[in-house]
Amino acid sequence: MKTINAGYTIIDRFTVGEQGFAVGESKTAPSPYVTWQYRAADPEHFFWGHYFNEKTAAYEDYRKRIDDEVRDLAENARSRQYDETGNLCQLDKRRDEPVR
């Protein structure tokens, strides 16, 4: 079953940790390609769209967004700190989706 969001058919998607990224395509939209972010817990709710006229540009953005998320997860893992009792303390660095 194909997923459609805002008139775009999702042609690719990838989940990294708690975040996911998708590429959409529309034959009728002014910008026929889009990349969106979604939460892994709610993979049908897309937000933060980046729109493109060329498929190659959309896939470049898609890969960059995935790479950035992988890098952020690695940096967060390195920034873990422990308190005086040895318990893990970590600042919450989540990027919440826009408020609807």
Protein backbone atom coordinates (compact mmCIF):
# COMPACT_ATOMS: atom_id res chain seq x y z
CA MET A 1 0.00 0.00 0.00
CA LYS A 2 1.49 3.34 -1.01
CA THR A 3 1.50 6.31 1.33
CA ILE A 4 0.26 9.67 0.07
CA ASN A 5 0.75 12.93 1.97
CA ALA A 6 -0.53 16.31 0.73
CA GLY A 7 -0.83 14.94 -2.81
CA TYR A 8 2.70 13.49 -2.85
CA THR A 9 3.35 9.76 -3.10
CA ILE A 10 6.07 8.66 -0.68
CA ILE A 11 8.75 7.00 -2.83
CA ASP A 12 11.42 6.48 -0.17
CA ARG A 13 11.75 6.65 3.60
CA PHE A 14 14.39 5.96 6.23
CA THR A 15 14.28 5.96 10.03
CA VAL A 16 17.21 7.03 12.22
CA GLY A 17 16.62 6.57 15.94
CA GLU A 18 13.37 8.34 16.82
CA GLN A 19 13.28 10.41 13.60
CA GLY A 20 12.51 9.46 10.03
CA PHE A 21 12.83 11.11 6.65
CA ALA A 22 10.85 10.62 3.47
CA VAL A 23 10.92 11.63 -0.19
CA GLY A 24 7.65 12.39 -1.93
CA GLU A 25 6.79 12.82 -5.60
CA SER A 26 3.82 14.51 -7.29
CA LYS A 27 3.17 14.65 -11.01
CA THR A 28 0.91 17.72 -10.59
CA ALA A 29 2.53 19.89 -7.89
CA PRO A 30 4.49 23.04 -8.83
CA SER A 31 7.49 21.53 -7.02
CA PRO A 32 7.21 17.84 -7.89
CA TYR A 33 9.57 16.54 -5.15
CA VAL A 34 9.65 17.00 -1.40
CA THR A 35 11.54 15.68 1.62
CA TRP A 36 9.81 15.53 4.99
CA GLN A 37 10.69 14.58 8.51
CA TYR A 38 8.52 12.33 10.68
CA ARG A 39 8.70 10.70 14.09
CA ALA A 40 9.32 6.95 14.10
CA ALA A 41 6.43 6.59 16.56
CA ASP A 42 4.06 8.34 14.12
CA PRO A 43 5.33 7.57 10.60
CA GLU A 44 2.26 8.95 8.82
CA HIS A 45 2.59 12.47 10.28
CA PHE A 46 5.05 14.43 8.15
CA PHE A 47 6.47 17.89 8.92
CA TRP A 48 9.29 20.27 7.95
CA GLY A 49 8.98 19.84 4.19
CA HIS A 50 11.72 20.90 1.78
CA TYR A 51 10.44 21.25 -1.81
CA PHE A 52 12.39 20.70 -5.05
CA ASN A 53 11.99 20.81 -8.81
CA GLU A 54 14.55 18.07 -9.45
CA LYS A 55 14.56 14.52 -8.11
CA THR A 56 18.35 14.54 -7.70
CA ALA A 57 18.18 17.67 -5.52
CA ALA A 58 15.48 16.07 -3.36
CA TYR A 59 17.62 12.94 -2.86
CA GLU A 60 20.66 15.05 -1.99
CA ASP A 61 18.60 16.80 0.70
CA TYR A 62 17.18 13.45 1.88
CA ARG A 63 20.66 12.00 2.33
CA LYS A 64 21.90 15.18 4.05
CA ARG A 65 19.00 15.14 6.51
CA ILE A 66 19.69 11.48 7.33
CA ASP A 67 23.43 12.13 7.69
CA ASP A 68 22.75 15.14 9.96
CA GLU A 69 20.51 13.04 12.20
CA VAL A 70 23.12 10.26 12.43
CA ARG A 71 25.74 12.87 13.36
CA ASP A 72 23.43 14.43 15.99
CA LEU A 73 22.77 11.02 17.55
CA ALA A 74 26.51 10.28 17.68
CA GLU A 75 27.24 13.68 19.26
CA ASN A 76 24.50 13.17 21.83
CA ALA A 77 25.91 9.75 22.70
CA ARG A 78 29.36 11.28 23.24
CA SER A 79 27.94 14.09 25.37
CA ARG A 80 26.42 11.77 27.97
CA GLN A 81 27.49 12.65 31.44
CA TYR A 82 27.28 10.80 34.73
CA ASP A 83 26.43 12.31 38.10
CA GLU A 84 28.39 11.69 41.31
CA THR A 85 26.54 8.41 41.92
CA GLY A 86 27.31 7.06 38.46
CA ASN A 87 23.81 7.58 37.08
CA LEU A 88 23.53 8.74 33.49
CA CYS A 89 22.56 12.40 33.12
CA GLN A 90 21.88 13.73 29.66
CA LEU A 91 20.48 17.03 28.51
CA ASP A 92 17.36 16.68 26.41
CA LYS A 93 18.43 17.85 22.94
CA ARG A 94 15.34 16.70 21.03
CA ARG A 95 14.09 18.88 18.24
CA ASP A 96 10.36 18.93 18.56
CA GLU A 97 8.14 19.25 15.56
CA PRO A 98 6.33 22.55 15.00
CA VAL A 99 3.22 23.12 17.09
CA ARG A 100 0.05 22.64 15.08
